[in-house]
Amino acid sequence: MKIKTGDNIIVIAGKDKGLTAKVLRAIPKEDMVLVEGANMHKRHRRSTKQGGKGQILDFSKPIHASNVMVVEGGKRTRVGKKLVGERYVRISRKSGKSL
């Protein structure tokens, strides 16, 4: 998977299309990413005490990695890899700079 934790991304498909945010967590086994403020859901939680109040919690669920692109210099770009020395480095396909 070419998207890593901490990358700045833009959502290119789904209900949050156009949102620019940061990746909070990458889940490579499922090819999913958890994006800050994207794919928000509500969970109703019952009170744990007698006569207390319940809560409505907002949380974000992961979205598929194919629905996001890395943002570099304000524009979205595809990600490639390049052999530098003995290691591969992620590069921007648009500018050729390392990410």
Foldseek 3Di string as FASTA:
>chain_A
DQDAFFFWKAFCDDPRHGDTFGFHGADVVVQWTWTPPPQKDWDWACDPDVPDDTDIDIDHDIDHNVRMFTDDPNHGFHWDWDDDPNDIFIAGPVPRHTD
